[in-house]
Amino acid sequence: MATMVQERTADTRDADAAAGDVRRHELAAFLRSRRERITPEQVGLPRGARRRTPGLRREEVAHRSAVGVTWYTWLEQARPIQVSPQVLDALSRALLLDTGERAHLFALAGATDPAPGTPCPSVTPALRALLDQLEPVPACVQNSRYDILAYNRTYGRLLCDLDALPPEDRNCLWLSFTHDEWRASLGDRDETIRLMAGKFRAAMAGHLAEPAWKTLLKRLQTTSAEFREIWERHDVVATTDKTKRFLNSRVGQLNLSHTSLWLGPSQGPRLVTYVPVDEESRARLEKLRALVEG
């Protein structure tokens, strides 16, 4: 039995090593292809009469990314080296990657993009159209970090004016602890923020080393004494759907049924809807939509 377990463990290690090797070679090939497509003129460099390399030279990419030439060369040679999200961010900018290419770069490197406001590939044009079709039901797309990735007009005015906020502040957890109007709109604020902090802690267990998660946690701990006190309790809460009470500054109290529809693996992006549970709430949502569209 022990021999069989050892053999399975060895097979698993071999499979992981093989997968890592494939990933490194894919990353190396992708970097080379992006480097070779950029002309020197695109980044303000002289072409020169002796240039033979298609696109940029390795040392030019390294210089634009503020990394060592040898280190970058190893990266294109698929050497087994570690690449931080910060370096990937610099490479993305140096290589003029678009949104899809940037996401592909981070996926190949097995890293999470830390850039605030980075578009989520789950938010397709069809999903945005669905958000609009759900009006006047407030709806948004969130990830498990509580970032608000997309929303319809009614949701954009449910707790505050989301359009007036910078993208990096459009996070339900952040707003629940730091934004006065958002906090005032939470009908059961003390319970809500306690549950949200517990859900965030539970979700973060799978993302402890990721920069975006650590950055949000540090912001909250630095800014909110209330968050620090709740966080120190180490409470963990599973994600559940329930009826919530909101106190909208324009139309009054709204009793809404909160539902999450997962768009991928559990704890990934989700479509969140708030359906009225009584006729008064439905009428007030219609009024809120009219006010927003007016």
C-alpha atoms as a PDB file:
ATOM      1  CA  MET A   1       0.000   0.000   0.000  1.00  0.00           C
ATOM      2  CA  ALA A   2       2.791   2.423   0.945  1.00  0.00           C
ATOM      3  CA  THR A   3       4.518   1.721  -2.363  1.00  0.00           C
ATOM      4  CA  MET A   4       1.328   2.466  -4.300  1.00  0.00           C
ATOM      5  CA  VAL A   5       0.876   5.769  -2.439  1.00  0.00           C
ATOM      6  CA  GLN A   6       4.482   6.720  -3.154  1.00  0.00           C
ATOM      7  CA  GLU A   7       4.011   5.873  -6.823  1.00  0.00           C
ATOM      8  CA  ARG A   8       0.851   8.005  -7.031  1.00  0.00           C
ATOM      9  CA  THR A   9       2.641  10.875  -5.288  1.00  0.00           C
ATOM     10  CA  ALA A  10       5.546  10.607  -7.712  1.00  0.00           C
ATOM     11  CA  ASP A  11       3.124  10.530 -10.659  1.00  0.00           C
ATOM     12  CA  THR A  12       1.403  13.657  -9.336  1.00  0.00           C
ATOM     13  CA  ARG A  13       4.732  15.454  -8.995  1.00  0.00           C
ATOM     14  CA  ASP A  14       5.697  14.449 -12.509  1.00  0.00           C
ATOM     15  CA  ALA A  15       2.359  15.663 -13.870  1.00  0.00           C
ATOM     16  CA  ASP A  16       2.692  18.993 -12.056  1.00  0.00           C
ATOM     17  CA  ALA A  17       6.239  19.418 -13.338  1.00  0.00           C
ATOM     18  CA  ALA A  18       5.119  18.644 -16.890  1.00  0.00           C
ATOM     19  CA  ALA A  19       2.243  21.130 -16.641  1.00  0.00           C
ATOM     20  CA  GLY A  20       4.589  23.785 -15.305  1.00  0.00           C
ATOM     21  CA  ASP A  21       7.011  23.174 -18.165  1.00  0.00           C
ATOM     22  CA  VAL A  22       4.229  23.521 -20.740  1.00  0.00           C
ATOM     23  CA  ARG A  23       3.041  26.731 -19.085  1.00  0.00           C
ATOM     24  CA  ARG A  24       6.543  28.255 -19.111  1.00  0.00           C
ATOM     25  CA  HIS A  25       7.056  27.434 -22.790  1.00  0.00           C
ATOM     26  CA  GLU A  26       3.660  28.888 -23.690  1.00  0.00           C
ATOM     27  CA  LEU A  27       4.516  32.038 -21.738  1.00  0.00           C
ATOM     28  CA  ALA A  28       7.913  32.302 -23.439  1.00  0.00           C
ATOM     29  CA  ALA A  29       6.395  31.912 -26.902  1.00  0.00           C
ATOM     30  CA  PHE A  30       3.688  34.461 -26.144  1.00  0.00           C
ATOM     31  CA  LEU A  31       6.213  37.044 -24.933  1.00  0.00           C
ATOM     32  CA  ARG A  32       8.378  36.553 -28.021  1.00  0.00           C
ATOM     33  CA  SER A  33       5.398  36.913 -30.350  1.00  0.00           C
ATOM     34  CA  ARG A  34       4.248  40.142 -28.673  1.00  0.00           C
ATOM     35  CA  ARG A  35       7.782  41.584 -28.645  1.00  0.00           C
ATOM     36  CA  GLU A  36       8.344  40.854 -32.324  1.00  0.00           C
ATOM     37  CA  ARG A  37       5.153  42.552 -33.475  1.00  0.00           C
ATOM     38  CA  ILE A  38       6.024  45.982 -31.974  1.00  0.00           C
ATOM     39  CA  THR A  39       7.944  48.372 -34.191  1.00  0.00           C
ATOM     40  CA  PRO A  40      10.555  50.645 -32.599  1.00  0.00           C
ATOM     41  CA  GLU A  41       8.596  53.664 -33.800  1.00  0.00           C
ATOM     42  CA  GLN A  42       5.566  52.592 -31.755  1.00  0.00           C
ATOM     43  CA  VAL A  43       7.496  53.107 -28.527  1.00  0.00           C
ATOM     44  CA  GLY A  44       9.572  56.101 -29.602  1.00  0.00           C
ATOM     45  CA  LEU A  45      12.806  54.254 -30.474  1.00  0.00           C
ATOM     46  CA  PRO A  46      14.929  54.824 -33.599  1.00  0.00           C
ATOM     47  CA  ARG A  47      14.937  51.921 -36.036  1.00  0.00           C
ATOM     48  CA  GLY A  48      18.605  52.189 -36.977  1.00  0.00           C
ATOM     49  CA  ALA A  49      20.282  50.769 -40.074  1.00  0.00           C
ATOM     50  CA  ARG A  50      21.670  47.642 -38.403  1.00  0.00           C
ATOM     51  CA  ARG A  51      18.484  46.341 -36.783  1.00  0.00           C
ATOM     52  CA  ARG A  52      17.847  42.740 -37.802  1.00  0.00           C
ATOM     53  CA  THR A  53      15.457  41.671 -35.027  1.00  0.00           C
ATOM     54  CA  PRO A  54      11.787  41.862 -36.006  1.00  0.00           C
ATOM     55  CA  GLY A  55      10.100  44.182 -33.567  1.00  0.00           C
ATOM     56  CA  LEU A  56      11.847  45.104 -30.319  1.00  0.00           C
ATOM     57  CA  ARG A  57      15.048  43.629 -28.951  1.00  0.00           C
ATOM     58  CA  ARG A  58      14.992  41.767 -25.647  1.00  0.00           C
ATOM     59  CA  GLU A  59      17.088  44.439 -23.980  1.00  0.00           C
ATOM     60  CA  GLU A  60      14.614  47.096 -25.109  1.00  0.00           C
ATOM     61  CA  VAL A  61      11.703  45.241 -23.523  1.00  0.00           C
ATOM     62  CA  ALA A  62      13.755  44.688 -20.371  1.00  0.00           C
ATOM     63  CA  HIS A  63      14.606  48.382 -20.184  1.00  0.00           C
ATOM     64  CA  ARG A  64      10.972  49.446 -20.726  1.00  0.00           C
ATOM     65  CA  SER A  65       9.889  47.003 -18.013  1.00  0.00           C
ATOM     66  CA  ALA A  66      12.672  47.960 -15.558  1.00  0.00           C
ATOM     67  CA  VAL A  67      13.922  44.364 -15.279  1.00  0.00           C
ATOM     68  CA  GLY A  68      17.327  42.833 -15.950  1.00  0.00           C
ATOM     69  CA  VAL A  69      18.175  41.794 -19.507  1.00  0.00           C
ATOM     70  CA  THR A  70      19.446  38.390 -18.360  1.00  0.00           C
ATOM     71  CA  TRP A  71      16.307  37.796 -16.298  1.00  0.00           C
ATOM     72  CA  TYR A  72      14.031  38.693 -19.208  1.00  0.00           C
ATOM     73  CA  THR A  73      16.078  36.474 -21.546  1.00  0.00           C
ATOM     74  CA  TRP A  74      15.598  33.567 -19.155  1.00  0.00           C
ATOM     75  CA  LEU A  75      11.877  34.250 -19.181  1.00  0.00           C
ATOM     76  CA  GLU A  76      11.773  33.965 -22.978  1.00  0.00           C
ATOM     77  CA  GLN A  77      13.876  30.802 -22.692  1.00  0.00           C
ATOM     78  CA  ALA A  78      11.238  29.200 -20.420  1.00  0.00           C
ATOM     79  CA  ARG A  79      13.627  28.955 -17.484  1.00  0.00           C
ATOM     80  CA  PRO A  80      11.959  27.985 -14.152  1.00  0.00           C
ATOM     81  CA  ILE A  81      11.940  31.453 -12.569  1.00  0.00           C
ATOM     82  CA  GLN A  82       9.296  33.232 -10.514  1.00  0.00           C
ATOM     83  CA  VAL A  83       7.460  36.214 -11.989  1.00  0.00           C
ATOM     84  CA  SER A  84       5.673  38.646  -9.672  1.00  0.00           C
ATOM     85  CA  PRO A  85       2.350  40.330 -10.618  1.00  0.00           C
ATOM     86  CA  GLN A  86       4.158  43.681 -10.526  1.00  0.00           C
ATOM     87  CA  VAL A  87       6.642  42.524 -13.182  1.00  0.00           C
ATOM     88  CA  LEU A  88       3.824  41.072 -15.273  1.00  0.00           C
ATOM     89  CA  ASP A  89       2.077  44.437 -15.069  1.00  0.00           C
ATOM     90  CA  ALA A  90       5.251  46.174 -16.288  1.00  0.00           C
ATOM     91  CA  LEU A  91       5.680  43.672 -19.133  1.00  0.00           C
ATOM     92  CA  SER A  92       2.062  44.149 -20.151  1.00  0.00           C
ATOM     93  CA  ARG A  93       2.589  47.881 -20.479  1.00  0.00           C
ATOM     94  CA  ALA A  94       5.947  47.536 -22.221  1.00  0.00           C
ATOM     95  CA  LEU A  95       4.509  45.148 -24.800  1.00  0.00           C
ATOM     96  CA  LEU A  96       1.382  47.279 -25.378  1.00  0.00           C
ATOM     97  CA  LEU A  97      -0.941  44.370 -24.550  1.00  0.00           C
ATOM     98  CA  ASP A  98      -4.664  44.854 -24.921  1.00  0.00           C
ATOM     99  CA  THR A  99      -7.175  43.652 -22.311  1.00  0.00           C
ATOM    100  CA  GLY A 100      -7.418  40.096 -23.631  1.00  0.00           C
ATOM    101  CA  GLU A 101      -3.673  39.733 -24.089  1.00  0.00           C
ATOM    102  CA  ARG A 102      -3.011  41.039 -20.586  1.00  0.00           C
ATOM    103  CA  ALA A 103      -5.451  38.501 -19.119  1.00  0.00           C
ATOM    104  CA  HIS A 104      -3.740  35.754 -21.137  1.00  0.00           C
ATOM    105  CA  LEU A 105      -0.322  36.819 -19.847  1.00  0.00           C
ATOM    106  CA  PHE A 106      -1.429  36.597 -16.214  1.00  0.00           C
ATOM    107  CA  ALA A 107      -3.175  33.268 -16.852  1.00  0.00           C
ATOM    108  CA  LEU A 108      -0.044  31.734 -18.377  1.00  0.00           C
ATOM    109  CA  ALA A 109       2.013  32.952 -15.426  1.00  0.00           C
ATOM    110  CA  GLY A 110      -0.536  31.556 -12.960  1.00  0.00           C
ATOM    111  CA  ALA A 111      -0.937  34.986 -11.343  1.00  0.00           C
ATOM    112  CA  THR A 112      -3.814  37.297 -10.453  1.00  0.00           C
ATOM    113  CA  ASP A 113      -3.930  40.719 -12.078  1.00  0.00           C
ATOM    114  CA  PRO A 114      -3.653  43.333  -9.274  1.00  0.00           C
ATOM    115  CA  ALA A 115      -4.617  46.318 -11.410  1.00  0.00           C
ATOM    116  CA  PRO A 116      -7.724  48.117 -10.039  1.00  0.00           C
ATOM    117  CA  GLY A 117     -10.559  48.298 -12.507  1.00  0.00           C
ATOM    118  CA  THR A 118      -9.162  45.612 -14.782  1.00  0.00           C
ATOM    119  CA  PRO A 119     -12.080  44.465 -16.948  1.00  0.00           C
ATOM    120  CA  CYS A 120     -13.382  41.026 -16.107  1.00  0.00           C
ATOM    121  CA  PRO A 121     -13.580  38.592 -19.045  1.00  0.00           C
ATOM    122  CA  SER A 122     -16.830  37.256 -17.557  1.00  0.00           C
ATOM    123  CA  VAL A 123     -18.557  40.600 -18.253  1.00  0.00           C
ATOM    124  CA  THR A 124     -19.489  40.068 -21.878  1.00  0.00           C
ATOM    125  CA  PRO A 125     -21.615  42.436 -23.991  1.00  0.00           C
ATOM    126  CA  ALA A 126     -24.463  39.930 -23.691  1.00  0.00           C
ATOM    127  CA  LEU A 127     -24.216  39.988 -19.902  1.00  0.00           C
ATOM    128  CA  ARG A 128     -24.265  43.786 -19.891  1.00  0.00           C
ATOM    129  CA  ALA A 129     -27.379  43.667 -22.048  1.00  0.00           C
ATOM    130  CA  LEU A 130     -28.949  41.235 -19.572  1.00  0.00           C
ATOM    131  CA  LEU A 131     -28.255  43.656 -16.716  1.00  0.00           C
ATOM    132  CA  ASP A 132     -30.156  46.345 -18.628  1.00  0.00           C
ATOM    133  CA  GLN A 133     -33.039  43.971 -19.403  1.00  0.00           C
ATOM    134  CA  LEU A 134     -33.487  43.242 -15.693  1.00  0.00           C
ATOM    135  CA  GLU A 135     -34.485  46.858 -14.943  1.00  0.00           C
ATOM    136  CA  PRO A 136     -35.977  47.975 -12.608  1.00  0.00           C
ATOM    137  CA  VAL A 137     -34.558  45.017 -10.631  1.00  0.00           C
ATOM    138  CA  PRO A 138     -31.150  46.179  -9.333  1.00  0.00           C
ATOM    139  CA  ALA A 139     -28.437  43.848 -10.622  1.00  0.00           C
ATOM    140  CA  CYS A 140     -24.667  43.769 -10.785  1.00  0.00           C
ATOM    141  CA  VAL A 141     -21.728  41.456 -11.433  1.00  0.00           C
ATOM    142  CA  GLN A 142     -19.364  40.963  -8.490  1.00  0.00           C
ATOM    143  CA  ASN A 143     -16.377  38.781  -7.783  1.00  0.00           C
ATOM    144  CA  SER A 144     -15.711  37.075  -4.472  1.00  0.00           C
ATOM    145  CA  ARG A 145     -13.612  40.073  -3.396  1.00  0.00           C
ATOM    146  CA  TYR A 146     -16.788  42.214  -3.609  1.00  0.00           C
ATOM    147  CA  ASP A 147     -15.472  44.258  -6.551  1.00  0.00           C
ATOM    148  CA  ILE A 148     -18.429  45.586  -8.580  1.00  0.00           C
ATOM    149  CA  LEU A 149     -17.485  44.673 -12.147  1.00  0.00           C
ATOM    150  CA  ALA A 150     -20.663  45.856 -13.916  1.00  0.00           C
ATOM    151  CA  TYR A 151     -24.138  47.082 -12.928  1.00  0.00           C
ATOM    152  CA  ASN A 152     -27.385  48.425 -14.308  1.00  0.00           C
ATOM    153  CA  ARG A 153     -28.753  51.921 -13.702  1.00  0.00           C
ATOM    154  CA  THR A 154     -31.031  51.032 -10.810  1.00  0.00           C
ATOM    155  CA  TYR A 155     -28.253  49.267  -8.916  1.00  0.00           C
ATOM    156  CA  GLY A 156     -26.023  52.242  -9.650  1.00  0.00           C
ATOM    157  CA  ARG A 157     -28.351  54.399  -7.496  1.00  0.00           C
ATOM    158  CA  LEU A 158     -29.521  51.803  -4.969  1.00  0.00           C
ATOM    159  CA  LEU A 159     -27.068  52.680  -2.200  1.00  0.00           C
ATOM    160  CA  CYS A 160     -25.166  55.659  -3.636  1.00  0.00           C
ATOM    161  CA  ASP A 161     -24.132  57.138  -6.986  1.00  0.00           C
ATOM    162  CA  LEU A 162     -21.688  54.492  -8.186  1.00  0.00           C
ATOM    163  CA  ASP A 163     -20.925  56.418 -11.375  1.00  0.00           C
ATOM    164  CA  ALA A 164     -19.418  59.193  -9.265  1.00  0.00           C
ATOM    165  CA  LEU A 165     -16.879  56.845  -7.667  1.00  0.00           C
ATOM    166  CA  PRO A 166     -13.491  55.895  -9.129  1.00  0.00           C
ATOM    167  CA  PRO A 167     -13.338  52.242 -10.279  1.00  0.00           C
ATOM    168  CA  GLU A 168     -10.980  51.240  -7.462  1.00  0.00           C
ATOM    169  CA  ASP A 169     -13.597  52.302  -4.875  1.00  0.00           C
ATOM    170  CA  ARG A 170     -16.472  50.330  -6.442  1.00  0.00           C
ATOM    171  CA  ASN A 171     -16.216  47.541  -3.926  1.00  0.00           C
ATOM    172  CA  CYS A 172     -19.139  46.618  -1.660  1.00  0.00           C
ATOM    173  CA  LEU A 173     -16.969  45.790   1.338  1.00  0.00           C
ATOM    174  CA  TRP A 174     -14.958  49.002   1.054  1.00  0.00           C
ATOM    175  CA  LEU A 175     -18.080  51.136   0.683  1.00  0.00           C
ATOM    176  CA  SER A 176     -19.838  49.389   3.579  1.00  0.00           C
ATOM    177  CA  PHE A 177     -17.086  50.492   5.949  1.00  0.00           C
ATOM    178  CA  THR A 178     -16.036  53.854   4.507  1.00  0.00           C
ATOM    179  CA  HIS A 179     -18.813  55.551   2.465  1.00  0.00           C
ATOM    180  CA  ASP A 180     -21.379  57.489   4.519  1.00  0.00           C
ATOM    181  CA  GLU A 181     -24.273  57.340   2.030  1.00  0.00           C
ATOM    182  CA  TRP A 182     -23.734  53.651   1.276  1.00  0.00           C
ATOM    183  CA  ARG A 183     -23.621  52.856   5.007  1.00  0.00           C
ATOM    184  CA  ALA A 184     -26.781  54.867   5.670  1.00  0.00           C
ATOM    185  CA  SER A 185     -28.596  52.870   2.968  1.00  0.00           C
ATOM    186  CA  LEU A 186     -27.983  49.544   4.707  1.00  0.00           C
ATOM    187  CA  GLY A 187     -31.128  48.785   6.660  1.00  0.00           C
ATOM    188  CA  ASP A 188     -29.424  46.277   8.964  1.00  0.00           C
ATOM    189  CA  ARG A 189     -25.928  47.715   8.826  1.00  0.00           C
ATOM    190  CA  ASP A 190     -24.310  46.074  11.849  1.00  0.00           C
ATOM    191  CA  GLU A 191     -25.360  42.585  10.790  1.00  0.00           C
ATOM    192  CA  THR A 192     -24.583  43.248   7.136  1.00  0.00           C
ATOM    193  CA  ILE A 193     -21.016  44.413   7.633  1.00  0.00           C
ATOM    194  CA  ARG A 194     -20.314  41.580  10.073  1.00  0.00           C
ATOM    195  CA  LEU A 195     -21.536  39.002   7.556  1.00  0.00           C
ATOM    196  CA  MET A 196     -19.650  40.617   4.680  1.00  0.00           C
ATOM    197  CA  ALA A 197     -16.378  40.591   6.614  1.00  0.00           C
ATOM    198  CA  GLY A 198     -16.929  36.912   7.437  1.00  0.00           C
ATOM    199  CA  LYS A 199     -17.642  36.046   3.802  1.00  0.00           C
ATOM    200  CA  PHE A 200     -14.567  37.990   2.707  1.00  0.00           C
ATOM    201  CA  ARG A 201     -12.386  36.077   5.182  1.00  0.00           C
ATOM    202  CA  ALA A 202     -13.795  32.740   3.990  1.00  0.00           C
ATOM    203  CA  ALA A 203     -13.198  33.629   0.326  1.00  0.00           C
ATOM    204  CA  MET A 204      -9.723  34.999   0.990  1.00  0.00           C
ATOM    205  CA  ALA A 205      -8.507  31.615   2.263  1.00  0.00           C
ATOM    206  CA  GLY A 206      -7.958  30.637  -1.362  1.00  0.00           C
ATOM    207  CA  HIS A 207      -6.250  33.927  -2.294  1.00  0.00           C
ATOM    208  CA  LEU A 208      -3.941  34.686   0.647  1.00  0.00           C
ATOM    209  CA  ALA A 209      -0.883  35.477  -1.466  1.00  0.00           C
ATOM    210  CA  GLU A 210      -2.637  37.454  -4.200  1.00  0.00           C
ATOM    211  CA  PRO A 211      -1.773  41.181  -4.359  1.00  0.00           C
ATOM    212  CA  ALA A 212      -5.287  42.449  -5.108  1.00  0.00           C
ATOM    213  CA  TRP A 213      -6.710  40.701  -2.041  1.00  0.00           C
ATOM    214  CA  LYS A 214      -3.867  41.853   0.200  1.00  0.00           C
ATOM    215  CA  THR A 215      -4.197  45.419  -1.075  1.00  0.00           C
ATOM    216  CA  LEU A 216      -7.929  45.558  -0.276  1.00  0.00           C
ATOM    217  CA  LEU A 217      -7.383  44.059   3.181  1.00  0.00           C
ATOM    218  CA  LYS A 218      -4.638  46.571   3.953  1.00  0.00           C
ATOM    219  CA  ARG A 219      -6.811  49.495   2.779  1.00  0.00           C
ATOM    220  CA  LEU A 220      -9.640  48.396   5.042  1.00  0.00           C
ATOM    221  CA  GLN A 221      -7.407  47.794   8.043  1.00  0.00           C
ATOM    222  CA  THR A 222      -5.703  51.145   7.598  1.00  0.00           C
ATOM    223  CA  THR A 223      -8.886  53.154   7.079  1.00  0.00           C
ATOM    224  CA  SER A 224     -11.558  51.570   9.292  1.00  0.00           C
ATOM    225  CA  ALA A 225     -11.213  50.851  13.011  1.00  0.00           C
ATOM    226  CA  GLU A 226     -14.615  49.171  12.808  1.00  0.00           C
ATOM    227  CA  PHE A 227     -13.330  46.752  10.176  1.00  0.00           C
ATOM    228  CA  ARG A 228     -10.191  46.019  12.214  1.00  0.00           C
ATOM    229  CA  GLU A 229     -12.290  45.139  15.254  1.00  0.00           C
ATOM    230  CA  ILE A 230     -14.560  42.774  13.269  1.00  0.00           C
ATOM    231  CA  TRP A 231     -11.634  41.247  11.359  1.00  0.00           C
ATOM    232  CA  GLU A 232      -9.837  40.324  14.582  1.00  0.00           C
ATOM    233  CA  ARG A 233     -12.770  38.077  15.554  1.00  0.00           C
ATOM    234  CA  HIS A 234     -11.798  35.644  12.749  1.00  0.00           C
ATOM    235  CA  ASP A 235     -15.458  34.906  11.991  1.00  0.00           C
ATOM    236  CA  VAL A 236     -16.107  32.940   8.803  1.00  0.00           C
ATOM    237  CA  VAL A 237     -19.477  33.012   7.009  1.00  0.00           C
ATOM    238  CA  ALA A 238     -20.653  30.986   4.015  1.00  0.00           C
ATOM    239  CA  THR A 239     -22.318  32.755   1.084  1.00  0.00           C
ATOM    240  CA  THR A 240     -26.118  32.721   1.387  1.00  0.00           C
ATOM    241  CA  ASP A 241     -29.065  34.404  -0.292  1.00  0.00           C
ATOM    242  CA  LYS A 242     -31.555  36.325   1.871  1.00  0.00           C
ATOM    243  CA  THR A 243     -33.996  39.221   2.001  1.00  0.00           C
ATOM    244  CA  LYS A 244     -32.286  42.558   2.585  1.00  0.00           C
ATOM    245  CA  ARG A 245     -33.638  45.914   3.669  1.00  0.00           C
ATOM    246  CA  PHE A 246     -32.307  49.085   2.055  1.00  0.00           C
ATOM    247  CA  LEU A 247     -33.066  52.700   2.945  1.00  0.00           C
ATOM    248  CA  ASN A 248     -32.759  54.558  -0.343  1.00  0.00           C
ATOM    249  CA  SER A 249     -32.422  58.328   0.042  1.00  0.00           C
ATOM    250  CA  ARG A 250     -34.766  58.974  -2.925  1.00  0.00           C
ATOM    251  CA  VAL A 251     -37.597  56.470  -2.577  1.00  0.00           C
ATOM    252  CA  GLY A 252     -37.451  55.131   0.976  1.00  0.00           C
ATOM    253  CA  GLN A 253     -37.316  51.565   2.301  1.00  0.00           C
ATOM    254  CA  LEU A 254     -36.875  48.670  -0.132  1.00  0.00           C
ATOM    255  CA  ASN A 255     -37.284  45.015   0.836  1.00  0.00           C
ATOM    256  CA  LEU A 256     -35.380  42.981  -1.727  1.00  0.00           C
ATOM    257  CA  SER A 257     -34.536  39.314  -2.136  1.00  0.00           C
ATOM    258  CA  HIS A 258     -30.806  38.889  -2.761  1.00  0.00           C
ATOM    259  CA  THR A 259     -29.832  36.097  -5.179  1.00  0.00           C
ATOM    260  CA  SER A 260     -26.393  35.139  -6.550  1.00  0.00           C
ATOM    261  CA  LEU A 261     -26.077  33.309  -9.866  1.00  0.00           C
ATOM    262  CA  TRP A 262     -22.541  31.994 -10.337  1.00  0.00           C
ATOM    263  CA  LEU A 263     -20.945  32.660 -13.724  1.00  0.00           C
ATOM    264  CA  GLY A 264     -18.110  30.190 -13.204  1.00  0.00           C
ATOM    265  CA  PRO A 265     -16.589  28.117 -10.397  1.00  0.00           C
ATOM    266  CA  SER A 266     -17.881  28.739  -6.876  1.00  0.00           C
ATOM    267  CA  GLN A 267     -16.336  31.871  -5.350  1.00  0.00           C
ATOM    268  CA  GLY A 268     -15.762  33.329  -8.820  1.00  0.00           C
ATOM    269  CA  PRO A 269     -17.730  36.102 -10.565  1.00  0.00           C
ATOM    270  CA  ARG A 270     -21.473  36.098  -9.929  1.00  0.00           C
ATOM    271  CA  LEU A 271     -24.582  37.883 -11.135  1.00  0.00           C
ATOM    272  CA  VAL A 272     -26.303  39.460  -8.116  1.00  0.00           C
ATOM    273  CA  THR A 273     -29.966  40.470  -8.318  1.00  0.00           C
ATOM    274  CA  TYR A 274     -32.287  42.211  -5.846  1.00  0.00           C
ATOM    275  CA  VAL A 275     -35.909  41.263  -6.544  1.00  0.00           C
ATOM    276  CA  PRO A 276     -38.656  43.134  -4.639  1.00  0.00           C
ATOM    277  CA  VAL A 277     -40.542  40.943  -2.163  1.00  0.00           C
ATOM    278  CA  ASP A 278     -43.639  43.173  -1.869  1.00  0.00           C
ATOM    279  CA  GLU A 279     -45.645  45.505  -4.082  1.00  0.00           C
ATOM    280  CA  GLU A 280     -44.532  48.640  -2.235  1.00  0.00           C
ATOM    281  CA  SER A 281     -40.886  47.813  -2.887  1.00  0.00           C
ATOM    282  CA  ARG A 282     -41.636  47.054  -6.542  1.00  0.00           C
ATOM    283  CA  ALA A 283     -43.389  50.412  -6.964  1.00  0.00           C
ATOM    284  CA  ARG A 284     -40.513  52.210  -5.311  1.00  0.00           C
ATOM    285  CA  LEU A 285     -38.002  50.491  -7.590  1.00  0.00           C
ATOM    286  CA  GLU A 286     -40.032  51.659 -10.603  1.00  0.00           C
ATOM    287  CA  LYS A 287     -39.916  55.172  -9.178  1.00  0.00           C
ATOM    288  CA  LEU A 288     -36.147  54.922  -8.649  1.00  0.00           C
ATOM    289  CA  ARG A 289     -35.646  53.796 -12.241  1.00  0.00           C
ATOM    290  CA  ALA A 290     -37.743  56.722 -13.488  1.00  0.00           C
ATOM    291  CA  LEU A 291     -35.671  59.131 -11.413  1.00  0.00           C
ATOM    292  CA  VAL A 292     -32.422  57.677 -12.728  1.00  0.00           C
ATOM    293  CA  GLU A 293     -33.528  57.743 -16.357  1.00  0.00           C
ATOM    294  CA  GLY A 294     -35.035  61.194 -16.003  1.00  0.00           C
END
